[in-house]
Protein backbone atom coordinates (compact mmCIF):
# COMPACT_ATOMS: atom_id res chain seq x y z
CA UNK A 1 -17.33 -19.08 13.43
CA UNK A 2 -17.66 -15.72 15.16
CA UNK A 3 -15.20 -13.21 13.64
CA UNK A 4 -14.11 -9.77 14.82
CA UNK A 5 -12.74 -7.65 11.96
CA UNK A 6 -10.32 -4.72 12.32
CA UNK A 7 -9.40 -2.47 9.40
CA UNK A 8 -9.69 1.00 7.93
CA UNK A 9 -8.92 1.79 4.22
CA UNK A 10 -10.47 0.58 0.97
CA UNK A 11 -8.46 -2.66 0.75
CA UNK A 12 -9.65 -3.61 4.23
CA UNK A 13 -13.22 -2.71 3.25
CA UNK A 14 -13.05 -4.99 0.19
CA UNK A 15 -11.72 -7.80 2.37
CA UNK A 16 -14.56 -7.32 4.85
CA UNK A 17 -17.05 -7.40 1.97
CA UNK A 18 -15.51 -10.65 0.73
CA UNK A 19 -15.98 -12.24 4.17
CA UNK A 20 -19.63 -11.16 4.22
CA UNK A 21 -20.20 -12.37 0.65
CA UNK A 22 -18.85 -15.77 1.73
CA UNK A 23 -21.41 -15.77 4.58
CA UNK A 24 -18.89 -15.62 7.41
CA UNK A 25 -20.29 -14.44 10.74
CA UNK A 26 -18.72 -11.04 11.44
CA UNK A 27 -19.90 -10.07 14.93
CA UNK A 28 -18.15 -6.72 15.18
CA UNK A 29 -15.91 -4.26 13.32
CA UNK A 30 -13.10 -2.18 14.78
CA UNK A 31 -11.99 0.78 12.69
CA UNK A 32 -10.36 4.16 13.17
CA UNK A 33 -12.15 7.39 14.01
CA UNK A 34 -13.73 9.51 11.27
CA UNK A 35 -11.01 11.65 9.69
CA UNK A 36 -11.01 14.98 7.82
CA UNK A 37 -10.85 14.65 4.04
CA UNK A 38 -10.54 17.05 1.12
CA UNK A 39 -9.88 20.75 1.24
CA UNK A 40 -12.97 21.34 3.37
CA UNK A 41 -11.73 18.96 6.04
CA UNK A 42 -15.11 17.27 6.29
CA UNK A 43 -15.10 14.39 8.78
CA UNK A 44 -15.59 11.16 6.83
CA UNK A 45 -15.97 7.62 8.09
CA UNK A 46 -13.52 4.99 6.96
CA UNK A 47 -14.33 2.70 4.01
CA UNK A 48 -14.54 -0.19 6.49
CA UNK A 49 -17.09 1.71 8.59
CA UNK A 50 -19.16 2.34 5.45
CA UNK A 51 -19.29 -1.38 4.60
CA UNK A 52 -20.09 -2.28 8.20
CA UNK A 53 -22.94 0.23 8.32
CA UNK A 54 -24.36 -1.07 5.05
CA UNK A 55 -24.63 -4.51 6.62
CA UNK A 56 -25.82 -3.37 10.06
CA UNK A 57 -22.72 -4.64 11.85
CA UNK A 58 -21.74 -3.48 15.33
CA UNK A 59 -18.90 -0.94 15.05
CA UNK A 60 -16.38 0.54 17.45
CA UNK A 61 -14.30 3.47 16.21
CA UNK A 62 -11.00 3.93 17.99
CA UNK A 63 -7.46 4.93 17.04
CA UNK A 64 -6.07 3.35 20.17
CA UNK A 65 -6.67 -0.35 20.91
CA UNK A 66 -6.89 0.20 24.67
CA UNK A 67 -8.77 -1.37 27.58
CA UNK A 68 -12.11 -0.10 26.30
CA UNK A 69 -11.48 -1.82 22.96
CA UNK A 70 -10.42 -5.04 24.72
CA UNK A 71 -13.58 -5.07 26.83
CA UNK A 72 -15.76 -4.48 23.76
CA UNK A 73 -14.10 -7.29 21.80
CA UNK A 74 -14.39 -9.64 24.78
CA UNK A 75 -18.12 -8.92 25.04
CA UNK A 76 -18.58 -10.10 21.44
CA UNK A 77 -17.09 -13.52 22.26
CA UNK A 78 -15.21 -13.88 18.96
CA UNK A 79 -13.57 -17.15 18.00
CA UNK A 80 -11.23 -15.48 15.48
CA UNK A 81 -9.93 -12.02 14.71
CA UNK A 82 -9.06 -10.74 11.23
CA UNK A 83 -7.10 -7.53 10.78
CA UNK A 84 -6.27 -5.74 7.52
CA UNK A 85 -4.60 -2.31 7.64
CA UNK A 86 -6.25 -1.21 10.87
CA UNK A 87 -3.52 1.34 11.51
CA UNK A 88 -2.39 0.41 15.03
CA UNK A 89 -0.51 -2.53 16.52
CA UNK A 90 -2.62 -4.93 18.57
CA UNK A 91 -1.01 -5.77 21.91
CA UNK A 92 -1.01 -9.17 23.61
CA UNK A 93 -4.09 -8.34 25.72
CA UNK A 94 -6.13 -8.09 22.50
CA UNK A 95 -4.37 -10.87 20.60
CA UNK A 96 -5.32 -13.40 23.27
CA UNK A 97 -9.06 -12.66 23.27
CA UNK A 98 -10.22 -14.71 20.25
CA UNK A 99 -9.89 -18.45 20.82
CA UNK A 100 -8.07 -18.98 17.50
CA UNK A 101 -6.09 -15.74 17.64
CA UNK A 102 -5.90 -13.15 14.84
CA UNK A 103 -5.15 -13.52 11.14
CA UNK A 104 -3.62 -10.77 9.03
CA UNK A 105 -3.50 -10.32 5.26
CA UNK A 106 -0.14 -8.85 4.20
CA UNK A 107 0.66 -7.70 0.67
CA UNK A 108 4.00 -9.41 0.13
CA UNK A 109 5.44 -12.90 0.31
CA UNK A 110 6.64 -12.79 3.89
CA UNK A 111 9.25 -12.75 5.28
CA UNK A 112 10.06 -10.42 2.37
CA UNK A 113 9.00 -6.79 2.84
CA UNK A 114 7.39 -6.73 6.29
CA UNK A 115 6.10 -3.40 7.54
CA UNK A 116 3.98 -0.49 6.34
CA UNK A 117 4.78 -0.20 2.63
CA UNK A 118 5.38 -3.63 1.06
CA UNK A 119 3.65 -2.80 -2.22
CA UNK A 120 5.71 0.32 -2.78
CA UNK A 121 8.93 -1.45 -1.80
CA UNK A 122 8.21 -4.22 -4.30
CA UNK A 123 8.02 -1.62 -7.09
CA UNK A 124 11.06 0.30 -5.85
CA UNK A 125 13.08 -2.91 -6.08
CA UNK A 126 11.84 -3.57 -9.61
CA UNK A 127 10.47 -7.02 -8.75
CA UNK A 128 8.51 -8.91 -11.40
CA UNK A 129 6.54 -11.01 -8.90
CA UNK A 130 5.04 -10.48 -5.47
CA UNK A 131 2.11 -11.98 -3.59
CA UNK A 132 -0.05 -12.07 -0.48
CA UNK A 133 0.37 -13.81 2.85
CA UNK A 134 -2.19 -14.88 5.44
CA UNK A 135 -0.47 -15.30 8.78
CA UNK A 136 -1.18 -15.36 12.52
CA UNK A 137 -0.46 -12.17 14.39
CA UNK A 138 2.05 -12.13 17.21
CA UNK A 139 3.54 -9.18 19.06
CA UNK A 140 6.12 -8.52 16.35
CA UNK A 141 5.65 -6.65 13.08
CA UNK A 142 4.44 -9.08 10.40
CA UNK A 143 6.49 -11.78 12.09
CA UNK A 144 3.94 -14.45 12.95
CA UNK A 145 3.61 -17.96 11.50
CA UNK A 146 2.40 -18.26 7.91
CA UNK A 147 -0.80 -20.13 7.06
CA UNK A 148 -1.10 -19.52 3.31
CA UNK A 149 0.48 -17.59 0.43
CA UNK A 150 -0.24 -16.93 -3.25
CA UNK A 151 1.97 -15.36 -5.92
CA UNK A 152 1.08 -12.51 -8.28
CA UNK A 153 2.81 -11.26 -11.44
CA UNK A 154 3.63 -7.54 -11.64
CA UNK A 155 2.97 -5.83 -14.97
CA UNK A 156 5.63 -3.48 -16.29
CA UNK A 157 3.28 -0.48 -16.03
CA UNK A 158 1.91 -1.27 -12.57
CA UNK A 159 1.70 1.52 -10.01
CA UNK A 160 1.33 1.14 -6.26
CA UNK A 161 -2.37 1.88 -6.69
CA UNK A 162 -3.06 -0.67 -9.43
CA UNK A 163 -0.91 -3.34 -7.77
CA UNK A 164 -2.63 -2.86 -4.42
CA UNK A 165 -6.02 -3.34 -6.11
CA UNK A 166 -4.78 -6.60 -7.62
CA UNK A 167 -3.31 -7.80 -4.33
CA UNK A 168 -6.43 -6.80 -2.41
CA UNK A 169 -8.54 -9.12 -4.56
CA UNK A 170 -5.96 -11.90 -4.28
CA UNK A 171 -5.65 -11.44 -0.52
CA UNK A 172 -9.41 -11.52 0.06
CA UNK A 173 -9.71 -14.69 -2.01
CA UNK A 174 -6.84 -16.35 -0.13
CA UNK A 175 -8.31 -15.38 3.24
CA UNK A 176 -11.75 -16.77 2.38
CA UNK A 177 -10.16 -19.98 1.11
CA UNK A 178 -8.12 -20.29 4.32
CA UNK A 179 -11.17 -19.80 6.52
CA UNK A 180 -13.07 -22.55 4.70
CA UNK A 181 -10.81 -25.12 6.39
CA UNK A 182 -8.97 -23.12 9.02
CA UNK A 183 -7.88 -25.79 11.52
CA UNK A 184 -5.62 -27.72 9.07
CA UNK A 185 -4.02 -24.42 8.01
CA UNK A 186 -3.29 -23.61 11.65
CA UNK A 187 -1.93 -27.10 12.32
CA UNK A 188 0.42 -26.87 9.32
CA UNK A 189 1.51 -23.26 9.78
CA UNK A 190 5.10 -22.35 8.99
CA UNK A 191 7.31 -20.28 11.27
CA UNK A 192 9.01 -17.38 9.51
CA UNK A 193 12.76 -17.45 9.13
CA UNK A 194 13.68 -13.83 9.68
CA UNK A 195 16.53 -12.35 7.70
CA UNK A 196 18.34 -9.28 9.05
CA UNK A 197 18.85 -8.15 5.45
CA UNK A 198 15.06 -7.66 5.14
CA UNK A 199 14.42 -4.46 7.14
CA UNK A 200 10.93 -3.24 7.92
CA UNK A 201 9.36 -1.16 5.19
CA UNK A 202 8.40 2.27 6.50
CA UNK A 203 5.47 4.58 5.88
CA UNK A 204 6.29 6.75 2.88
CA UNK A 205 6.75 10.50 3.19
CA UNK A 206 6.85 13.34 0.70
CA UNK A 207 10.61 13.55 1.22
CA UNK A 208 11.05 9.91 0.20
CA UNK A 209 9.17 10.64 -3.05
CA UNK A 210 11.60 13.35 -4.27
CA UNK A 211 13.35 12.37 -7.48
CA UNK A 212 17.12 12.44 -7.56
CA UNK A 213 18.27 12.65 -11.16
CA UNK A 214 21.67 11.30 -10.14
CA UNK A 215 19.93 7.91 -9.91
CA UNK A 216 19.86 5.44 -12.83
CA UNK A 217 16.85 5.78 -15.14
CA UNK A 218 15.30 2.48 -14.04
CA UNK A 219 15.41 3.55 -10.38
CA UNK A 220 13.64 6.84 -11.20
CA UNK A 221 10.92 5.04 -13.16
CA UNK A 222 10.48 2.57 -10.29
CA UNK A 223 10.16 5.48 -7.85
CA UNK A 224 7.46 7.12 -9.98
CA UNK A 225 5.48 3.88 -10.11
CA UNK A 226 5.89 3.21 -6.38
CA UNK A 227 4.77 6.69 -5.31
CA UNK A 228 1.59 6.73 -7.42
CA UNK A 229 -1.08 7.52 -6.21
CA UNK A 230 0.57 8.83 -3.04
CA UNK A 231 2.68 10.62 -1.99
CA UNK A 232 3.55 11.04 -5.73
CA UNK A 233 7.10 11.46 -7.05
CA UNK A 234 8.24 15.05 -7.61
CA UNK A 235 11.12 17.34 -8.52
CA UNK A 236 11.72 21.07 -8.39
CA UNK A 237 12.10 23.63 -11.14
CA UNK A 238 13.34 26.95 -9.80
CA UNK A 239 12.10 26.06 -6.29
CA UNK A 240 8.62 25.11 -7.55
CA UNK A 241 7.46 21.49 -7.11
CA UNK A 242 6.29 19.45 -10.09
CA UNK A 243 4.74 16.02 -9.65
CA UNK A 244 5.51 13.11 -11.98
CA UNK A 245 2.67 10.64 -12.46
CA UNK A 246 4.10 8.57 -15.33
CA UNK A 247 7.61 8.03 -16.63
CA UNK A 248 9.52 5.57 -18.79
CA UNK A 249 13.12 4.77 -19.64
CA UNK A 250 14.36 6.67 -22.71
CA UNK A 251 16.92 5.08 -24.97
CA UNK A 252 18.95 8.27 -25.00
CA UNK A 253 22.54 8.60 -23.81
CA UNK A 254 24.97 11.42 -23.14
CA UNK A 255 22.55 13.72 -21.30
CA UNK A 256 23.60 15.41 -18.08
CA UNK A 257 21.58 14.35 -15.00
CA UNK A 258 18.67 16.72 -14.41
CA UNK A 259 18.87 18.45 -17.80
CA UNK A 260 15.56 18.18 -19.66
CA UNK A 261 14.89 18.77 -23.37
CA UNK A 262 12.44 17.66 -26.03
CA UNK A 263 13.58 14.57 -27.95
CA UNK A 264 11.35 13.44 -30.81
CA UNK A 265 8.40 15.21 -29.22
CA UNK A 266 8.90 13.78 -25.71
CA UNK A 267 10.21 15.48 -22.58
CA UNK A 268 13.42 13.64 -21.73
CA UNK A 269 15.63 14.27 -18.71
CA UNK A 270 19.12 12.93 -18.11
CA UNK A 271 19.95 10.45 -15.35
CA UNK A 272 23.14 8.78 -14.17
CA UNK A 273 22.46 5.89 -16.56
CA UNK A 274 20.37 6.45 -19.71
CA UNK A 275 17.55 8.99 -19.46
CA UNK A 276 13.90 9.23 -18.43
CA UNK A 277 10.85 10.34 -20.40
CA UNK A 278 8.47 12.35 -18.22
CA UNK A 279 5.15 11.25 -19.70
CA UNK A 280 2.67 12.92 -17.33
CA UNK A 281 3.44 15.74 -14.91
CA UNK A 282 1.44 18.00 -12.62
CA UNK A 283 2.81 21.46 -11.81
CA UNK A 284 1.73 22.95 -8.49
CA UNK A 285 -1.86 24.19 -8.62
CA UNK A 286 -2.57 22.72 -12.06
CA UNK A 287 -4.10 19.57 -13.50
CA UNK A 288 -2.02 16.66 -14.81
CA UNK A 289 -0.72 17.17 -18.35
CA UNK A 290 1.67 15.66 -20.85
CA UNK A 291 5.26 16.38 -19.92
CA UNK A 292 5.98 17.67 -23.42
CA UNK A 293 3.04 20.10 -23.26
CA UNK A 294 4.24 21.45 -19.92
CA UNK A 295 7.73 21.97 -21.35
CA UNK A 296 6.43 23.77 -24.46
CA UNK A 297 4.40 26.10 -22.28
CA UNK A 298 7.56 27.29 -20.54
CA UNK A 299 9.11 28.45 -23.85
CA UNK A 300 12.58 27.21 -22.95
CA UNK A 301 15.23 25.37 -24.94
CA UNK A 302 16.12 23.23 -21.91
CA UNK A 303 15.40 22.92 -18.19
CA UNK A 304 17.52 22.14 -15.15
CA UNK A 305 15.51 19.94 -12.79
CA UNK A 306 16.48 19.33 -9.18
């Protein structure tokens, strides 16, 4: 079966590699334009482009799935499209090109957590389980009929980065398994029942990663996990930002929200319910360090974090 693949970041690249390892016929790869990376701003191709080049696949780089993209895909005569985190919505003109439509791998158990940040939202909510969904694309956002799903347990120390790695492997495996006998999956697809209480998850910003110490301790710890590795949770000390890479709930009571002190050798800060231990922090311009070591270096009895 002739497959056109669209994707950009590492999880999409691993999915593409899984298709190739399973000997699926990928006739072309659509990915986004090379983008500046690092402090030098060097233009770097996407992880998907790197995999495609390694295997000598035909590539089109475009940030806008326009008429040119549609003509290119049509020329490849694909029977099926697969898209994983391409970065742009595919309109009807593109969706109708492959005979069997397009499949998408989404990192939640749809219809729960549709949108751009399902992995982070799962952690923000404190869920203990999540999963992956293979579904057919339509013109909505993650709203098409479901072909297959699999569930995944979430470890108590999972971050968005580690959970995405786990879901990437699970999603690639589920996709390959679905493609092995695609027609029955399509025939037995399930329409999503959309719930207005499940809003679209949005792309995360630095502002959404700011810690509010008026939140309960569990919510702060969930935020730290969800924002790692990006955009990374942070607070301010005297107008200077400090990132928080790891945190845990401290069994300490009676502390004022935002007030931080050493308790039994750990840096503990008050929250609205219980308190939080700041295990690993990263002050602006410095490397990550133990929260307690950062506190000791300030030579203070206590801190007021905002």
